[in-house]
Amino acid sequence: LQPEPRRRASSPRRVRQNRREPGHAREYEQTAWPEEPPAAVEPPERDDARVYEPAGMAARVPSNVSPAASAAAASRLSPPQPPEPKARAPRTSRSVATRTGNVDTGGTSGRDMRVAIASGVLLGAVGLICFSLGTVASMVIVSAVVLLATAEGYAAFRRAHYHPATLLGLVAVLSLMVETYNKGVAALPLVLVLLVAGSFIWYLARVEPAADPVSGLLSTVFIFVWIGAFGSFAALLLNPNLFPDRHGIAFVLAAVIVTVTDDVASLLVGSAMGRHPLAPNVSPNKSWEGLIGGGLVAILVSVIVVHFIHPWTISKALLYGIVVAIVAPLGDLSQSMIKRHLGLKDMGRLLPGHGGILDRFDGLLFVLPATYFVVKALHLG
């Protein structure tokens, strides 16, 4: 037998397989030959010819790819951005649009000044006639004004979706005016306790099923104190047992004259010279110039006019004018704050050119208690 020739080393590895006779298991015998170094493997070509970058980097897309596809590829490789937090509106039980907004709560804009002057002069004439008739007539007109102002207050709160017990509040205010005129300061705590107890019964009995008991009770008591209790100081000043000889009429008349003067002078001076807002978030039309000008005119009128009304004197009228110049604007701003909260321009429409009763006597509500305490402090009664 001739031996097989030796194979060349450059030939690839081959597997030699010997097959034996049938009946025996196959045996495979492999002979390893020296291997050639592997050739460099080129990546397969892709149709889009996209170059791959490490993770976290944006993909480079050739210029022939559309901008939409480029943006989509970049969004898949970049991490998602969290949404920007939205500013939350303050929590409230009522619509903010209902309660607030750019509401003009003062000034002469939108008012017919001729009608306002005419209605003001007519109301002043009726008041002077009642004051001249005596204490009882004065008490009648004072009670009517306070009762109408209270009704306007309750109606304004109802328009703002509060549910005060209007009937109980009006009865309580009228009772307070009558009892204060007869009994003095002892009437206030009694009527207040009865009103609070009656309001609890009102909401427990569900007279208004849709009413919120807490807001309804608070609005009922608030309007009673703000308008009824403050206004009852007029009845207290007219009480003949406390201030005989018609002195009470002199005190109430002084309060009306100086407060109206301060209100009108502030309006005129502020409209002509107002440059610096007094409380832009509450009443944008009020200015520091109007406040100072109205106060000076009120003090001057108090000294010139009020001291002729017995038992006022020049020095006491001067001091009283200073007190009114401070207190009257506070009452005006307080009512403007409430109107802005309720989203109202006027509290009512009873007085043509003015709005409601409460719109004209807001400062007087604060002046009446101040007048009582000034009178007591100066021993005028």
Protein backbone atom coordinates (compact mmCIF):
# COMPACT_ATOMS: atom_id res chain seq x y z
CA LEU A 1 0.00 0.00 0.00
CA GLN A 2 1.21 3.45 -0.86
CA PRO A 3 0.92 5.97 1.98
CA GLU A 4 -1.32 9.04 1.39
CA PRO A 5 0.54 12.19 0.55
CA ARG A 6 0.80 14.77 3.34
CA ARG A 7 -1.66 17.67 2.98
CA ARG A 8 -0.45 21.24 2.88
CA ALA A 9 -0.61 23.32 6.04
CA SER A 10 -2.41 26.18 4.32
CA SER A 11 -5.51 24.08 3.66
CA PRO A 12 -8.45 24.68 6.02
CA ARG A 13 -9.31 22.29 8.80
CA ARG A 14 -11.12 19.25 7.66
CA VAL A 15 -12.92 16.54 9.48
CA ARG A 16 -12.05 12.97 8.54
CA GLN A 17 -14.77 10.47 9.19
CA ASN A 18 -14.15 6.70 9.21
CA ARG A 19 -17.11 4.53 8.81
CA ARG A 20 -16.90 0.96 10.14
CA GLU A 21 -18.88 -2.12 9.41
CA PRO A 22 -22.59 -2.15 9.96
CA GLY A 23 -23.63 -3.08 13.45
CA HIS A 24 -21.02 -0.93 15.11
CA ALA A 25 -21.60 2.62 16.40
CA ARG A 26 -20.36 5.41 14.31
CA GLU A 27 -17.17 7.02 15.46
CA TYR A 28 -16.14 10.39 14.43
CA GLU A 29 -12.56 11.28 14.39
CA GLN A 30 -11.52 14.81 13.94
CA THR A 31 -8.13 16.00 12.98
CA ALA A 32 -7.33 19.65 13.75
CA TRP A 33 -5.17 21.57 11.35
CA PRO A 34 -3.58 25.00 11.87
CA GLU A 35 -6.17 27.88 11.56
CA GLU A 36 -5.81 31.05 9.58
CA PRO A 37 -6.35 34.38 11.36
CA PRO A 38 -10.02 35.45 11.08
CA ALA A 39 -10.73 38.07 8.52
CA ALA A 40 -12.19 41.42 9.63
CA VAL A 41 -15.97 41.35 9.64
CA GLU A 42 -17.57 44.42 8.17
CA PRO A 43 -20.99 45.50 9.56
CA PRO A 44 -23.84 44.96 7.17
CA GLU A 45 -24.96 47.96 5.27
CA ARG A 46 -28.37 49.44 6.18
CA ASP A 47 -30.65 51.25 3.89
CA ASP A 48 -30.92 54.32 6.06
CA ALA A 49 -27.12 54.47 6.56
CA ARG A 50 -27.65 55.59 10.15
CA VAL A 51 -24.59 56.04 12.33
CA TYR A 52 -25.17 54.65 15.82
CA GLU A 53 -24.00 56.56 18.80
CA PRO A 54 -23.59 55.50 22.41
CA ALA A 55 -26.68 55.54 24.61
CA GLY A 56 -27.69 58.95 25.88
CA MET A 57 -26.43 60.80 22.78
CA ALA A 58 -28.64 62.08 20.01
CA ALA A 59 -28.49 60.21 16.74
CA ARG A 60 -26.79 61.80 13.75
CA VAL A 61 -29.10 61.63 10.80
CA PRO A 62 -28.00 62.39 7.27
CA SER A 63 -29.40 65.41 5.58
CA ASN A 64 -31.68 63.34 3.36
CA VAL A 65 -33.78 62.31 6.40
CA SER A 66 -36.84 64.46 7.10
CA PRO A 67 -36.87 66.76 10.19
CA ALA A 68 -39.87 64.85 11.60
CA ALA A 69 -37.94 61.55 11.52
CA SER A 70 -34.92 63.26 13.07
CA ALA A 71 -37.02 64.63 15.93
CA ALA A 72 -38.63 61.23 16.48
CA ALA A 73 -35.22 59.53 16.66
CA ALA A 74 -33.92 62.12 19.11
CA SER A 75 -37.00 61.75 21.31
CA ARG A 76 -36.48 57.96 21.47
CA LEU A 77 -32.89 58.32 22.62
CA SER A 78 -33.33 61.26 25.04
CA PRO A 79 -35.05 60.70 28.42
CA PRO A 80 -38.62 62.04 28.74
CA GLN A 81 -38.99 65.49 30.29
CA PRO A 82 -41.37 65.80 33.28
CA PRO A 83 -44.30 68.17 32.73
CA GLU A 84 -43.99 71.64 34.21
CA PRO A 85 -46.08 72.08 37.35
CA LYS A 86 -49.11 74.32 36.95
CA ALA A 87 -49.89 77.05 39.45
CA ARG A 88 -52.82 76.05 41.60
CA ALA A 89 -55.59 78.49 42.26
CA PRO A 90 -56.35 79.09 45.94
CA ARG A 91 -58.94 76.78 47.36
CA THR A 92 -62.28 78.40 47.93
CA SER A 93 -65.82 77.27 48.43
CA ARG A 94 -67.08 79.75 45.88
CA SER A 95 -66.05 80.76 42.42
CA VAL A 96 -63.29 83.34 42.38
CA ALA A 97 -64.83 84.96 39.34
CA THR A 98 -68.01 85.45 41.32
CA ARG A 99 -66.35 87.05 44.28
CA THR A 100 -63.44 89.03 42.91
CA GLY A 101 -62.26 90.82 39.84
CA ASN A 102 -61.55 94.30 38.59
CA VAL A 103 -64.63 95.85 40.08
CA ASP A 104 -64.79 99.59 40.37
CA THR A 105 -65.90 100.19 43.94
CA GLY A 106 -65.76 103.93 44.06
CA GLY A 107 -65.24 107.17 42.22
CA THR A 108 -67.41 109.11 39.86
CA SER A 109 -67.02 106.87 36.81
CA GLY A 110 -70.35 105.83 35.35
CA ARG A 111 -72.40 108.10 37.67
CA ASP A 112 -74.64 111.01 36.75
CA MET A 113 -73.42 113.70 39.12
CA ARG A 114 -76.45 115.93 38.61
CA VAL A 115 -78.78 113.11 39.65
CA ALA A 116 -76.47 112.27 42.57
CA ILE A 117 -76.49 115.88 43.81
CA ALA A 118 -80.26 116.16 43.46
CA SER A 119 -80.97 112.94 45.36
CA GLY A 120 -78.43 113.90 48.04
CA VAL A 121 -79.99 117.33 48.56
CA LEU A 122 -83.47 115.80 48.76
CA LEU A 123 -82.37 113.24 51.34
CA GLY A 124 -80.63 115.94 53.36
CA ALA A 125 -83.74 118.12 53.34
CA VAL A 126 -85.88 115.25 54.63
CA GLY A 127 -83.36 114.62 57.38
CA LEU A 128 -83.26 118.25 58.49
CA ILE A 129 -87.07 118.36 58.63
CA CYS A 130 -87.16 115.27 60.86
CA PHE A 131 -84.42 116.64 63.12
CA SER A 132 -86.33 119.87 63.52
CA LEU A 133 -89.51 118.00 64.52
CA GLY A 134 -87.91 116.42 67.57
CA THR A 135 -86.42 113.23 68.94
CA VAL A 136 -89.22 110.87 67.92
CA ALA A 137 -89.20 111.98 64.27
CA SER A 138 -85.41 111.78 64.24
CA MET A 139 -85.62 108.25 65.64
CA VAL A 140 -88.06 107.26 62.89
CA ILE A 141 -85.83 108.39 60.03
CA VAL A 142 -82.70 106.97 61.66
CA SER A 143 -84.36 103.57 62.16
CA ALA A 144 -85.62 103.57 58.55
CA VAL A 145 -82.14 104.31 57.19
CA VAL A 146 -80.48 101.61 59.30
CA LEU A 147 -83.15 99.06 58.44
CA LEU A 148 -82.89 99.76 54.69
CA ALA A 149 -79.10 99.56 54.86
CA THR A 150 -79.37 96.21 56.64
CA ALA A 151 -81.74 94.89 53.97
CA GLU A 152 -79.26 95.98 51.28
CA GLY A 153 -76.44 94.22 53.11
CA TYR A 154 -78.32 90.93 53.33
CA ALA A 155 -79.40 91.19 49.67
CA ALA A 156 -75.79 91.83 48.58
CA PHE A 157 -74.55 88.76 50.45
CA ARG A 158 -77.30 86.67 48.89
CA ARG A 159 -76.24 87.80 45.42
CA ALA A 160 -72.76 86.51 46.30
CA HIS A 161 -74.27 83.06 47.09
CA TYR A 162 -74.32 83.41 50.86
CA HIS A 163 -77.56 82.46 52.59
CA PRO A 164 -78.05 84.67 55.66
CA ALA A 165 -81.25 84.48 57.69
CA THR A 166 -82.52 87.79 56.35
CA LEU A 167 -85.83 87.81 58.19
CA LEU A 168 -84.21 87.13 61.56
CA GLY A 169 -81.58 89.79 60.91
CA LEU A 170 -84.07 92.50 60.02
CA VAL A 171 -86.24 91.73 63.06
CA ALA A 172 -83.16 91.80 65.27
CA VAL A 173 -81.99 95.17 63.90
CA LEU A 174 -85.39 96.79 64.32
CA SER A 175 -85.66 95.40 67.86
CA LEU A 176 -82.18 96.68 68.67
CA MET A 177 -82.99 100.19 67.46
CA VAL A 178 -86.20 100.39 69.51
CA GLU A 179 -84.75 98.86 72.67
CA THR A 180 -81.59 100.96 72.50
CA TYR A 181 -83.70 104.08 72.29
CA ASN A 182 -85.69 102.95 75.36
CA LYS A 183 -83.25 100.93 77.48
CA GLY A 184 -79.79 102.08 76.41
CA VAL A 185 -76.69 99.93 75.95
CA ALA A 186 -78.20 96.94 77.80
CA ALA A 187 -80.25 96.10 74.70
CA LEU A 188 -77.27 95.08 72.54
CA PRO A 189 -76.13 91.90 74.35
CA LEU A 190 -79.72 90.71 74.78
CA VAL A 191 -80.63 91.10 71.10
CA LEU A 192 -77.32 89.63 69.97
CA VAL A 193 -77.77 86.47 72.04
CA LEU A 194 -81.33 86.05 70.80
CA LEU A 195 -80.20 86.47 67.18
CA VAL A 196 -77.45 83.86 67.47
CA ALA A 197 -79.78 81.36 69.14
CA GLY A 198 -82.51 82.03 66.59
CA SER A 199 -80.02 81.59 63.73
CA PHE A 200 -79.00 78.18 65.03
CA ILE A 201 -82.66 77.16 65.15
CA TRP A 202 -83.18 78.60 61.65
CA TYR A 203 -80.51 76.39 60.10
CA LEU A 204 -81.30 73.37 62.25
CA ALA A 205 -84.89 73.54 60.99
CA ARG A 206 -83.52 73.75 57.41
CA VAL A 207 -85.66 76.72 56.47
CA GLU A 208 -83.38 76.96 53.43
CA PRO A 209 -82.31 73.38 52.63
CA ALA A 210 -79.58 74.45 50.19
CA ALA A 211 -77.96 76.90 52.63
CA ASP A 212 -74.56 76.30 54.17
CA PRO A 213 -75.19 76.63 57.92
CA VAL A 214 -71.77 78.02 58.85
CA SER A 215 -71.51 80.71 56.16
CA GLY A 216 -75.18 81.58 56.58
CA LEU A 217 -74.93 82.01 60.34
CA LEU A 218 -71.71 84.01 60.12
CA SER A 219 -73.09 86.35 57.44
CA THR A 220 -76.27 86.85 59.47
CA VAL A 221 -74.39 87.89 62.60
CA PHE A 222 -71.77 89.88 60.68
CA ILE A 223 -74.29 92.15 58.95
CA PHE A 224 -76.22 92.58 62.19
CA VAL A 225 -73.09 93.78 64.00
CA TRP A 226 -71.65 95.84 61.14
CA ILE A 227 -74.85 97.72 60.24
CA GLY A 228 -77.31 97.10 63.06
CA ALA A 229 -75.03 97.41 66.09
CA PHE A 230 -73.01 100.32 64.70
CA GLY A 231 -76.17 102.08 63.53
CA SER A 232 -77.85 101.59 66.91
CA PHE A 233 -75.47 104.19 68.36
CA ALA A 234 -77.67 106.79 66.63
CA ALA A 235 -80.62 105.54 68.70
CA LEU A 236 -78.37 105.58 71.74
CA LEU A 237 -77.48 109.22 71.11
CA LEU A 238 -81.15 110.08 70.64
CA ASN A 239 -82.10 108.38 73.92
CA PRO A 240 -83.81 111.14 75.94
CA ASN A 241 -82.89 109.45 79.21
CA LEU A 242 -79.18 109.67 78.43
CA PHE A 243 -79.11 113.00 76.57
CA PRO A 244 -82.08 115.21 77.45
CA ASP A 245 -82.91 118.66 76.07
CA ARG A 246 -82.52 117.52 72.46
CA HIS A 247 -78.77 117.24 72.88
CA GLY A 248 -78.88 113.88 71.15
CA ILE A 249 -80.16 115.55 67.96
CA ALA A 250 -77.19 117.93 68.09
CA PHE A 251 -74.77 115.00 68.31
CA VAL A 252 -76.36 113.03 65.44
CA LEU A 253 -76.64 116.16 63.29
CA ALA A 254 -72.95 116.95 63.87
CA ALA A 255 -72.03 113.40 62.83
CA VAL A 256 -74.03 113.68 59.61
CA ILE A 257 -72.69 117.14 58.67
CA VAL A 258 -68.99 116.40 59.23
CA THR A 259 -69.13 112.90 57.67
CA VAL A 260 -70.92 114.08 54.52
CA THR A 261 -68.44 116.97 54.23
CA ASP A 262 -65.50 114.60 54.49
CA ASP A 263 -67.01 112.27 51.88
CA VAL A 264 -67.82 114.99 49.34
CA ALA A 265 -64.52 116.86 49.81
CA SER A 266 -62.50 113.65 49.46
CA LEU A 267 -64.31 112.89 46.21
CA LEU A 268 -63.75 116.37 44.73
CA VAL A 269 -60.13 116.77 45.83
CA GLY A 270 -59.23 113.23 44.80
CA SER A 271 -60.82 113.67 41.36
CA ALA A 272 -58.96 116.94 40.77
CA MET A 273 -55.57 116.27 42.39
CA GLY A 274 -55.36 112.57 43.12
CA ARG A 275 -52.01 111.09 42.06
CA HIS A 276 -51.06 108.58 44.76
CA PRO A 277 -53.45 105.64 45.33
CA LEU A 278 -54.53 105.13 48.91
CA ALA A 279 -55.53 101.46 48.73
CA PRO A 280 -55.27 100.23 45.11
CA ASN A 281 -56.22 96.65 46.00
CA VAL A 282 -59.41 97.77 47.75
CA SER A 283 -60.54 100.99 46.07
CA PRO A 284 -58.38 102.12 43.13
CA ASN A 285 -60.08 105.53 42.83
CA LYS A 286 -59.23 106.71 46.35
CA SER A 287 -56.03 108.69 46.76
CA TRP A 288 -53.92 110.13 49.54
CA GLU A 289 -54.62 113.62 48.23
CA GLY A 290 -58.36 113.02 48.55
CA LEU A 291 -57.93 111.62 52.06
CA ILE A 292 -55.90 114.61 53.27
CA GLY A 293 -58.03 117.18 51.47
CA GLY A 294 -61.29 115.69 52.72
CA GLY A 295 -59.98 115.52 56.28
CA LEU A 296 -58.86 119.15 56.29
CA VAL A 297 -62.18 120.36 54.91
CA ALA A 298 -64.08 118.22 57.45
CA ILE A 299 -62.09 119.72 60.34
CA LEU A 300 -62.69 123.23 59.00
CA VAL A 301 -66.46 122.69 58.64
CA SER A 302 -66.61 121.14 62.11
CA VAL A 303 -65.00 124.22 63.63
CA ILE A 304 -67.06 126.71 61.62
CA VAL A 305 -70.47 125.04 61.64
CA VAL A 306 -70.71 122.45 64.41
CA HIS A 307 -69.63 124.77 67.21
CA PHE A 308 -72.84 126.80 66.64
CA ILE A 309 -74.90 123.71 67.57
CA HIS A 310 -75.38 123.58 71.33
CA PRO A 311 -73.66 122.08 73.38
CA TRP A 312 -70.61 121.98 71.05
CA THR A 313 -67.77 124.47 71.53
CA ILE A 314 -64.94 125.48 69.19
CA SER A 315 -62.27 123.37 70.91
CA LYS A 316 -64.51 120.33 71.19
CA ALA A 317 -65.69 120.75 67.61
CA LEU A 318 -62.04 120.86 66.48
CA LEU A 319 -61.26 117.64 68.30
CA TYR A 320 -64.39 116.04 66.94
CA GLY A 321 -63.46 117.05 63.36
CA ILE A 322 -60.07 115.35 63.74
CA VAL A 323 -61.75 112.15 64.97
CA VAL A 324 -64.18 112.12 62.05
CA ALA A 325 -61.38 112.78 59.54
CA ILE A 326 -59.70 109.57 60.75
CA VAL A 327 -62.71 107.32 61.30
CA ALA A 328 -64.92 108.15 58.28
CA PRO A 329 -62.39 107.00 55.62
CA LEU A 330 -61.94 103.78 57.58
CA GLY A 331 -65.64 103.02 57.24
CA ASP A 332 -65.56 103.88 53.54
CA LEU A 333 -62.59 101.61 52.86
CA SER A 334 -64.11 98.79 54.90
CA GLN A 335 -67.25 98.82 52.79
CA SER A 336 -65.18 98.96 49.59
CA MET A 337 -63.27 95.90 50.77
CA ILE A 338 -66.52 94.00 51.32
CA LYS A 339 -67.90 95.04 47.92
CA ARG A 340 -64.72 93.90 46.19
CA HIS A 341 -64.91 90.58 48.01
CA LEU A 342 -68.50 90.13 46.89
CA GLY A 343 -67.74 91.31 43.35
CA LEU A 344 -70.20 94.23 43.46
CA LYS A 345 -69.99 97.86 42.35
CA ASP A 346 -72.85 99.12 44.52
CA MET A 347 -74.62 97.59 47.48
CA GLY A 348 -78.01 98.69 46.15
CA ARG A 349 -79.92 100.98 43.78
CA LEU A 350 -82.24 102.86 46.09
CA LEU A 351 -80.52 106.26 45.74
CA PRO A 352 -80.23 107.46 42.12
CA GLY A 353 -76.68 108.49 41.31
CA HIS A 354 -75.31 107.05 44.56
CA GLY A 355 -76.15 103.36 44.51
CA GLY A 356 -77.67 102.20 47.75
CA ILE A 357 -78.27 103.59 51.22
CA LEU A 358 -75.25 101.69 52.46
CA ASP A 359 -73.04 103.25 49.78
CA ARG A 360 -73.67 106.72 51.24
CA PHE A 361 -73.73 105.92 54.95
CA ASP A 362 -70.77 103.53 55.16
CA GLY A 363 -68.54 106.12 56.81
CA LEU A 364 -71.34 107.27 59.11
CA LEU A 365 -71.65 103.75 60.52
CA PHE A 366 -68.15 104.11 61.96
CA VAL A 367 -68.59 107.75 62.95
CA LEU A 368 -71.69 107.15 65.12
CA PRO A 369 -69.92 104.96 67.74
CA ALA A 370 -66.97 107.37 67.70
CA THR A 371 -69.36 110.27 68.31
CA TYR A 372 -70.89 108.52 71.33
CA PHE A 373 -67.49 107.89 72.92
CA VAL A 374 -66.25 111.42 72.14
CA VAL A 375 -69.35 112.84 73.77
CA LYS A 376 -68.81 110.68 76.83
CA ALA A 377 -65.12 111.51 76.99
CA LEU A 378 -65.74 115.27 76.68
CA HIS A 379 -68.69 115.17 79.11
CA LEU A 380 -71.00 116.85 76.64
CA GLY A 381 -74.08 114.89 77.66
